[in-house]
Amino acid sequence: MMRTGGLLGTLLLIWLIIGAIACGQRDYFSSDQKMNCADFGTIVVTVLAGPLNYFGVNPKVENCNVPQPSQ
């Protein structure tokens, strides 16, 4: 008999794997150009959306401002 934590962990892992598959199908991993903050953010939110990607959710990060290091 599985514990609840083990079941939830397994479901979370499957959720994230489905999100990563959606990223692969959208060619987010095969970009030959330099990745910027918005590209990385889009990959992260797509993976987190998981199976929702197959129900019409298409998360994108448009503007991403990274603070510059102090001098």
C-alpha atoms as a PDB file:
ATOM      1  CA  MET A   1       0.000   0.000   0.000  1.00  0.00           C
ATOM      2  CA  MET A   2       1.496   3.355  -1.079  1.00  0.00           C
ATOM      3  CA  ARG A   3       1.653   6.273   1.259  1.00  0.00           C
ATOM      4  CA  THR A   4      -0.136   9.460   0.286  1.00  0.00           C
ATOM      5  CA  GLY A   5       3.173  11.350   0.003  1.00  0.00           C
ATOM      6  CA  GLY A   6       4.543   8.769  -2.408  1.00  0.00           C
ATOM      7  CA  LEU A   7       1.424   8.939  -4.545  1.00  0.00           C
ATOM      8  CA  LEU A   8       1.454  12.744  -4.625  1.00  0.00           C
ATOM      9  CA  GLY A   9       5.157  12.758  -5.483  1.00  0.00           C
ATOM     10  CA  THR A  10       4.550  10.341  -8.340  1.00  0.00           C
ATOM     11  CA  LEU A  11       1.661  12.435  -9.668  1.00  0.00           C
ATOM     12  CA  LEU A  12       3.785  15.593  -9.457  1.00  0.00           C
ATOM     13  CA  LEU A  13       6.602  13.917 -11.369  1.00  0.00           C
ATOM     14  CA  ILE A  14       4.198  12.740 -14.092  1.00  0.00           C
ATOM     15  CA  TRP A  15       2.696  16.268 -14.269  1.00  0.00           C
ATOM     16  CA  LEU A  16       6.151  17.821 -14.806  1.00  0.00           C
ATOM     17  CA  ILE A  17       7.175  15.187 -17.357  1.00  0.00           C
ATOM     18  CA  ILE A  18       4.036  15.925 -19.399  1.00  0.00           C
ATOM     19  CA  GLY A  19       4.936  19.634 -19.275  1.00  0.00           C
ATOM     20  CA  ALA A  20       8.477  18.878 -20.460  1.00  0.00           C
ATOM     21  CA  ILE A  21       7.050  16.813 -23.336  1.00  0.00           C
ATOM     22  CA  ALA A  22       4.890  19.813 -24.312  1.00  0.00           C
ATOM     23  CA  CYS A  23       8.031  21.992 -24.368  1.00  0.00           C
ATOM     24  CA  GLY A  24       9.747  19.487 -26.605  1.00  0.00           C
ATOM     25  CA  GLN A  25       6.796  19.405 -28.989  1.00  0.00           C
ATOM     26  CA  ARG A  26       6.910  23.203 -29.216  1.00  0.00           C
ATOM     27  CA  ASP A  27      10.673  23.075 -29.953  1.00  0.00           C
ATOM     28  CA  TYR A  28      11.586  25.138 -26.897  1.00  0.00           C
ATOM     29  CA  PHE A  29      14.639  22.967 -26.225  1.00  0.00           C
ATOM     30  CA  SER A  30      16.071  22.993 -29.771  1.00  0.00           C
ATOM     31  CA  SER A  31      16.674  26.713 -30.125  1.00  0.00           C
ATOM     32  CA  ASP A  32      20.022  27.490 -31.713  1.00  0.00           C
ATOM     33  CA  GLN A  33      19.958  31.116 -30.648  1.00  0.00           C
ATOM     34  CA  LYS A  34      21.029  32.460 -27.272  1.00  0.00           C
ATOM     35  CA  MET A  35      18.274  32.007 -24.690  1.00  0.00           C
ATOM     36  CA  ASN A  36      17.078  35.099 -22.861  1.00  0.00           C
ATOM     37  CA  CYS A  37      15.108  35.496 -19.652  1.00  0.00           C
ATOM     38  CA  ALA A  38      11.716  35.439 -21.407  1.00  0.00           C
ATOM     39  CA  ASP A  39      12.567  32.199 -23.242  1.00  0.00           C
ATOM     40  CA  PHE A  40      13.648  30.538 -20.000  1.00  0.00           C
ATOM     41  CA  GLY A  41      10.524  31.797 -18.215  1.00  0.00           C
ATOM     42  CA  THR A  42       8.293  30.423 -20.973  1.00  0.00           C
ATOM     43  CA  ILE A  43       9.900  26.995 -20.621  1.00  0.00           C
ATOM     44  CA  VAL A  44       9.430  27.041 -16.839  1.00  0.00           C
ATOM     45  CA  VAL A  45       5.751  28.028 -16.925  1.00  0.00           C
ATOM     46  CA  THR A  46       5.048  25.528 -19.714  1.00  0.00           C
ATOM     47  CA  VAL A  47       6.560  22.706 -17.650  1.00  0.00           C
ATOM     48  CA  LEU A  48       4.600  23.840 -14.588  1.00  0.00           C
ATOM     49  CA  ALA A  49       1.351  23.945 -16.602  1.00  0.00           C
ATOM     50  CA  GLY A  50       1.849  20.245 -17.349  1.00  0.00           C
ATOM     51  CA  PRO A  51      -1.177  18.540 -18.916  1.00  0.00           C
ATOM     52  CA  LEU A  52      -3.047  21.855 -19.092  1.00  0.00           C
ATOM     53  CA  ASN A  53      -0.968  22.538 -22.218  1.00  0.00           C
ATOM     54  CA  TYR A  54      -3.117  19.981 -24.027  1.00  0.00           C
ATOM     55  CA  PHE A  55      -6.327  21.753 -23.007  1.00  0.00           C
ATOM     56  CA  GLY A  56      -5.495  25.064 -24.664  1.00  0.00           C
ATOM     57  CA  VAL A  57      -3.221  26.670 -22.082  1.00  0.00           C
ATOM     58  CA  ASN A  58      -0.230  28.224 -23.843  1.00  0.00           C
ATOM     59  CA  PRO A  59       1.728  30.129 -21.195  1.00  0.00           C
ATOM     60  CA  LYS A  60       4.307  32.632 -22.393  1.00  0.00           C
ATOM     61  CA  VAL A  61       6.553  35.109 -20.651  1.00  0.00           C
ATOM     62  CA  GLU A  62       6.826  38.288 -22.725  1.00  0.00           C
ATOM     63  CA  ASN A  63       8.738  40.830 -20.661  1.00  0.00           C
ATOM     64  CA  CYS A  64      11.417  39.777 -18.268  1.00  0.00           C
ATOM     65  CA  ASN A  65      13.578  42.304 -16.459  1.00  0.00           C
ATOM     66  CA  VAL A  66      16.577  40.925 -14.660  1.00  0.00           C
ATOM     67  CA  PRO A  67      18.289  43.345 -12.285  1.00  0.00           C
ATOM     68  CA  GLN A  68      21.771  44.320 -13.347  1.00  0.00           C
ATOM     69  CA  PRO A  69      24.626  43.710 -10.904  1.00  0.00           C
ATOM     70  CA  SER A  70      25.840  46.705  -8.942  1.00  0.00           C
ATOM     71  CA  GLN A  71      29.193  48.180  -9.865  1.00  0.00           C
END
